[in-house]
Amino acid sequence: MHFNLSIIMIAALAIVSFTVSASASYTEALKLFQEKNYKDSIKKISEELNTADDFKQGSPNYNLRYLAAHALWKLGNRDTASIHLRKCMEIKKDSVDPYIDLAMILIESKKLIDAEKIARKAQSMSESPMVYYILGKINLISRNYAKAIENFEKANSINPDLYISYNDLGIALLGLKKTSQANTAFSIANELNSHSPEILNNLAVTYEKLGNNKKALEFFLKAGEFDINNPVILKNIARVKARKQN
């Protein structure tokens, strides 16, 4: 179970429509994206995007390409999404957002070395909590739990509302068998996002490891309410129920 990393930037896409003098086509493409109609969103962008205008002052191309990248990413076309993000880097050299997104795509593609290079470049540009989250995610995947914890805690210190960072902090702490601390991290993540089946499941796992089967079952069942057919959650529920009966 894991979060879809692209979701964290959707709010930024919505903000774009208010921060630029958006064309009707862009506004419509954004609306289609928000409605999860990604193919039609891309089609609308293609009608508006003129690559010859990439570097013209007042051009909407940065925003069009950024939106196109996210729509393509949602459709699983990471390569073309990456092309748009790299062009965004060229158009707006001081914007950290395309670096963050490209690093996340590279993580999903299991290209951790490339992802870290992009994240380090982003780090030189901004003290963004997402940069530290990404570096922590790379450390976590590489099982460098101590370094992952350091980066997640840095991300949380900058943005105390970044629930995905608290969730992955909990996973890293579990990697070091620090179950009580992991329980605290998952509890904070759950306070920030009480509707995430992943967080609820992870919190339940820590209660189970701490020997509190009643609490474990409570949170496994809550996780199941939000993801009723998830085989991992269903297996966890069955295991704890069987233990309680014995």
Protein backbone atom coordinates (compact mmCIF):
# COMPACT_ATOMS: atom_id res chain seq x y z
CA MET A 1 0.00 0.00 0.00
CA HIS A 2 1.35 3.41 -0.88
CA PHE A 3 0.24 6.90 -1.74
CA ASN A 4 0.01 8.09 -5.32
CA LEU A 5 2.67 10.77 -5.13
CA SER A 6 1.20 12.88 -7.90
CA ILE A 7 -1.83 13.75 -5.77
CA ILE A 8 0.20 16.07 -3.58
CA MET A 9 0.60 18.60 -6.39
CA ILE A 10 -3.03 18.77 -7.55
CA ALA A 11 -3.71 21.77 -5.31
CA ALA A 12 -0.89 23.62 -7.06
CA LEU A 13 -2.60 23.01 -10.37
CA ALA A 14 -5.80 24.55 -9.07
CA ILE A 15 -3.89 27.59 -7.85
CA VAL A 16 -2.51 28.15 -11.34
CA SER A 17 -5.92 29.13 -12.66
CA PHE A 18 -5.99 32.03 -10.21
CA THR A 19 -2.39 33.15 -10.55
CA VAL A 20 -2.15 33.46 -14.32
CA SER A 21 -4.17 35.17 -16.94
CA ALA A 22 -5.51 31.84 -18.11
CA SER A 23 -7.01 31.29 -21.52
CA ALA A 24 -10.44 29.73 -21.87
CA SER A 25 -8.80 26.55 -23.19
CA TYR A 26 -6.51 26.28 -20.18
CA THR A 27 -9.35 26.85 -17.73
CA GLU A 28 -11.39 24.18 -19.48
CA ALA A 29 -8.43 21.79 -19.51
CA LEU A 30 -7.93 22.33 -15.77
CA LYS A 31 -11.62 21.65 -15.13
CA LEU A 32 -11.41 18.42 -17.13
CA PHE A 33 -8.34 17.40 -15.14
CA GLN A 34 -10.09 18.05 -11.85
CA GLU A 35 -12.98 15.91 -13.11
CA LYS A 36 -10.43 13.13 -13.80
CA ASN A 37 -11.08 13.38 -17.54
CA TYR A 38 -7.38 13.31 -18.31
CA LYS A 39 -7.51 12.40 -21.99
CA ASP A 40 -9.84 15.26 -22.87
CA SER A 41 -7.74 17.58 -20.71
CA ILE A 42 -4.67 16.71 -22.78
CA LYS A 43 -6.65 17.17 -25.99
CA LYS A 44 -7.73 20.65 -24.88
CA ILE A 45 -4.13 21.55 -23.96
CA SER A 46 -2.89 20.41 -27.38
CA GLU A 47 -5.33 22.81 -29.01
CA GLU A 48 -3.83 25.71 -27.06
CA LEU A 49 -0.13 24.83 -26.78
CA ASN A 50 2.14 26.49 -29.34
CA THR A 51 5.70 25.33 -28.66
CA ALA A 52 7.09 28.36 -30.50
CA ASP A 53 5.74 30.49 -27.64
CA ASP A 54 7.56 28.63 -24.85
CA PHE A 55 9.88 31.50 -24.00
CA LYS A 56 7.69 34.44 -24.98
CA GLN A 57 6.81 36.84 -22.18
CA GLY A 58 3.27 36.28 -20.97
CA SER A 59 3.02 32.90 -22.67
CA PRO A 60 0.73 30.37 -20.94
CA ASN A 61 3.00 27.51 -21.98
CA TYR A 62 4.57 26.87 -18.57
CA ASN A 63 1.13 26.30 -17.07
CA LEU A 64 -0.13 24.34 -20.06
CA ARG A 65 2.89 22.04 -19.98
CA TYR A 66 2.70 21.64 -16.21
CA LEU A 67 -0.94 20.62 -16.43
CA ALA A 68 -0.20 18.32 -19.39
CA ALA A 69 2.55 16.64 -17.38
CA HIS A 70 0.13 15.83 -14.57
CA ALA A 71 -2.58 14.57 -16.90
CA LEU A 72 -0.07 12.33 -18.69
CA TRP A 73 1.31 11.15 -15.36
CA LYS A 74 -2.19 10.18 -14.26
CA LEU A 75 -2.52 8.14 -17.46
CA GLY A 76 0.76 6.37 -16.76
CA ASN A 77 2.74 8.10 -19.50
CA ARG A 78 5.71 9.07 -17.35
CA ASP A 79 8.14 9.60 -20.23
CA THR A 80 6.08 12.27 -21.99
CA ALA A 81 5.14 13.81 -18.65
CA SER A 82 8.85 14.10 -17.89
CA ILE A 83 9.49 15.87 -21.19
CA HIS A 84 6.92 18.52 -20.30
CA LEU A 85 8.38 18.96 -16.82
CA ARG A 86 11.91 19.37 -18.16
CA LYS A 87 10.64 22.03 -20.55
CA CYS A 88 8.93 23.75 -17.61
CA MET A 89 12.34 23.86 -15.91
CA GLU A 90 13.76 25.69 -18.92
CA ILE A 91 10.86 28.13 -19.18
CA LYS A 92 10.74 29.11 -15.49
CA LYS A 93 14.21 28.47 -14.14
CA ASP A 94 13.42 29.56 -10.59
CA SER A 95 10.40 27.27 -10.12
CA VAL A 96 11.04 24.25 -7.91
CA ASP A 97 7.71 22.54 -8.70
CA PRO A 98 8.73 20.73 -11.90
CA TYR A 99 11.88 19.45 -10.18
CA ILE A 100 9.80 18.03 -7.33
CA ASP A 101 7.35 16.38 -9.72
CA LEU A 102 10.06 14.95 -11.96
CA ALA A 103 11.84 13.50 -8.94
CA MET A 104 8.57 11.82 -7.88
CA ILE A 105 8.09 10.37 -11.35
CA LEU A 106 11.66 9.03 -11.30
CA ILE A 107 11.00 7.41 -7.91
CA GLU A 108 7.91 5.71 -9.34
CA SER A 109 10.08 4.54 -12.25
CA LYS A 110 12.62 3.13 -9.74
CA LYS A 111 15.33 5.48 -11.02
CA LEU A 112 16.53 6.47 -7.58
CA ILE A 113 19.93 7.85 -8.57
CA ASP A 114 18.36 10.17 -11.15
CA ALA A 115 15.61 11.12 -8.69
CA GLU A 116 18.16 12.10 -6.06
CA LYS A 117 20.08 14.25 -8.55
CA ILE A 118 16.92 16.16 -9.41
CA ALA A 119 15.94 16.44 -5.74
CA ARG A 120 19.38 17.80 -4.84
CA LYS A 121 19.02 20.44 -7.54
CA ALA A 122 15.62 21.34 -6.10
CA GLN A 123 17.17 21.51 -2.63
CA SER A 124 19.66 24.10 -3.88
CA MET A 125 16.72 26.21 -5.07
CA SER A 126 14.29 25.98 -2.15
CA GLU A 127 13.79 24.78 1.42
CA SER A 128 10.61 23.05 0.28
CA PRO A 129 9.28 20.36 2.64
CA MET A 130 8.51 18.23 -0.42
CA VAL A 131 12.20 18.18 -1.35
CA TYR A 132 13.10 16.71 2.03
CA TYR A 133 10.16 14.32 1.77
CA ILE A 134 11.43 13.08 -1.60
CA LEU A 135 14.97 12.65 -0.26
CA GLY A 136 13.51 10.72 2.67
CA LYS A 137 11.45 8.58 0.30
CA ILE A 138 14.60 7.68 -1.65
CA ASN A 139 16.35 6.79 1.61
CA LEU A 140 13.35 4.72 2.72
CA ILE A 141 13.27 2.70 -0.50
CA SER A 142 17.03 2.18 -0.17
CA ARG A 143 16.46 1.03 3.46
CA ASN A 144 18.66 3.77 4.84
CA TYR A 145 16.16 4.24 7.64
CA ALA A 146 18.21 6.58 9.81
CA LYS A 147 18.75 9.05 6.96
CA ALA A 148 15.10 8.69 5.91
CA ILE A 149 14.01 9.64 9.43
CA GLU A 150 16.28 12.70 9.35
CA ASN A 151 14.77 13.92 6.06
CA PHE A 152 11.15 13.20 7.03
CA GLU A 153 11.61 15.04 10.32
CA LYS A 154 13.07 18.00 8.42
CA ALA A 155 10.07 17.99 6.07
CA ASN A 156 7.72 17.87 9.06
CA SER A 157 9.53 20.73 10.78
CA ILE A 158 8.95 22.93 7.73
CA ASN A 159 5.37 21.79 7.15
CA PRO A 160 3.74 20.17 10.20
CA ASP A 161 0.67 19.32 8.09
CA LEU A 162 2.49 17.07 5.61
CA TYR A 163 0.77 13.83 6.54
CA ILE A 164 2.51 11.70 3.92
CA SER A 165 5.81 12.55 5.56
CA TYR A 166 4.56 11.46 8.99
CA ASN A 167 3.28 8.24 7.46
CA ASP A 168 6.60 7.41 5.84
CA LEU A 169 8.42 8.49 9.01
CA GLY A 170 6.43 5.78 10.77
CA ILE A 171 7.47 3.21 8.17
CA ALA A 172 11.14 4.17 8.60
CA LEU A 173 10.83 3.92 12.38
CA LEU A 174 9.31 0.46 12.00
CA GLY A 175 12.33 -0.43 9.87
CA LEU A 176 14.47 0.30 12.93
CA LYS A 177 11.98 -1.59 15.17
CA LYS A 178 11.03 1.62 17.01
CA THR A 179 7.40 0.60 17.23
CA SER A 180 6.21 3.07 19.86
CA GLN A 181 7.71 6.00 17.96
CA ALA A 182 6.22 4.66 14.73
CA ASN A 183 2.82 4.53 16.43
CA THR A 184 3.19 8.20 17.35
CA ALA A 185 4.11 9.15 13.78
CA PHE A 186 1.15 7.23 12.32
CA SER A 187 -1.15 8.76 14.93
CA ILE A 188 -0.14 12.27 13.84
CA ALA A 189 -0.60 11.30 10.19
CA ASN A 190 -4.07 9.99 11.05
CA GLU A 191 -4.97 13.22 12.85
CA LEU A 192 -4.03 15.13 9.70
CA ASN A 193 -5.79 12.73 7.32
CA SER A 194 -8.31 10.48 9.04
CA HIS A 195 -9.66 9.02 5.79
CA SER A 196 -6.52 7.30 4.51
CA PRO A 197 -6.76 3.49 4.53
CA GLU A 198 -2.97 3.26 4.31
CA ILE A 199 -2.38 5.39 7.39
CA LEU A 200 -5.14 3.60 9.33
CA ASN A 201 -3.69 0.22 8.37
CA ASN A 202 -0.17 1.27 9.36
CA LEU A 203 -1.40 2.62 12.69
CA ALA A 204 -3.20 -0.69 13.31
CA VAL A 205 -0.02 -2.62 12.54
CA THR A 206 1.83 -0.76 15.28
CA TYR A 207 -0.95 -1.43 17.79
CA GLU A 208 -0.77 -5.11 16.90
CA LYS A 209 3.01 -5.15 17.34
CA LEU A 210 2.57 -3.44 20.71
CA GLY A 211 0.16 -6.22 21.76
CA ASN A 212 -3.00 -4.10 21.72
CA ASN A 213 -5.19 -6.32 19.55
CA LYS A 214 -8.36 -4.41 20.44
CA LYS A 215 -6.96 -1.15 19.09
CA ALA A 216 -5.38 -2.97 16.14
CA LEU A 217 -8.72 -4.44 15.07
CA GLU A 218 -10.44 -1.08 15.55
CA PHE A 219 -8.09 0.65 13.12
CA PHE A 220 -7.91 -2.26 10.67
CA LEU A 221 -11.72 -2.15 10.47
CA LYS A 222 -11.63 1.63 9.91
CA ALA A 223 -9.10 1.11 7.12
CA GLY A 224 -11.43 -1.46 5.59
CA GLU A 225 -14.28 1.03 5.55
CA PHE A 226 -12.28 3.23 3.15
CA ASP A 227 -10.81 0.39 1.04
CA ILE A 228 -13.25 -2.48 1.39
CA ASN A 229 -11.62 -4.90 -1.06
CA ASN A 230 -7.97 -4.33 -0.18
CA PRO A 231 -6.47 -7.81 0.28
CA VAL A 232 -3.79 -6.61 2.71
CA ILE A 233 -6.34 -4.98 5.01
CA LEU A 234 -8.71 -7.95 4.79
CA LYS A 235 -5.89 -10.34 5.67
CA ASN A 236 -4.90 -8.18 8.63
CA ILE A 237 -8.50 -8.07 9.91
CA ALA A 238 -8.83 -11.85 9.64
CA ARG A 239 -5.54 -12.42 11.45
CA VAL A 240 -6.40 -10.21 14.43
CA LYS A 241 -9.94 -11.60 14.66
CA ALA A 242 -8.57 -15.13 14.72
CA ARG A 243 -6.12 -14.20 17.48
CA LYS A 244 -8.90 -12.67 19.58
CA GLN A 245 -10.96 -15.86 19.31
CA ASN A 246 -8.10 -18.06 20.53
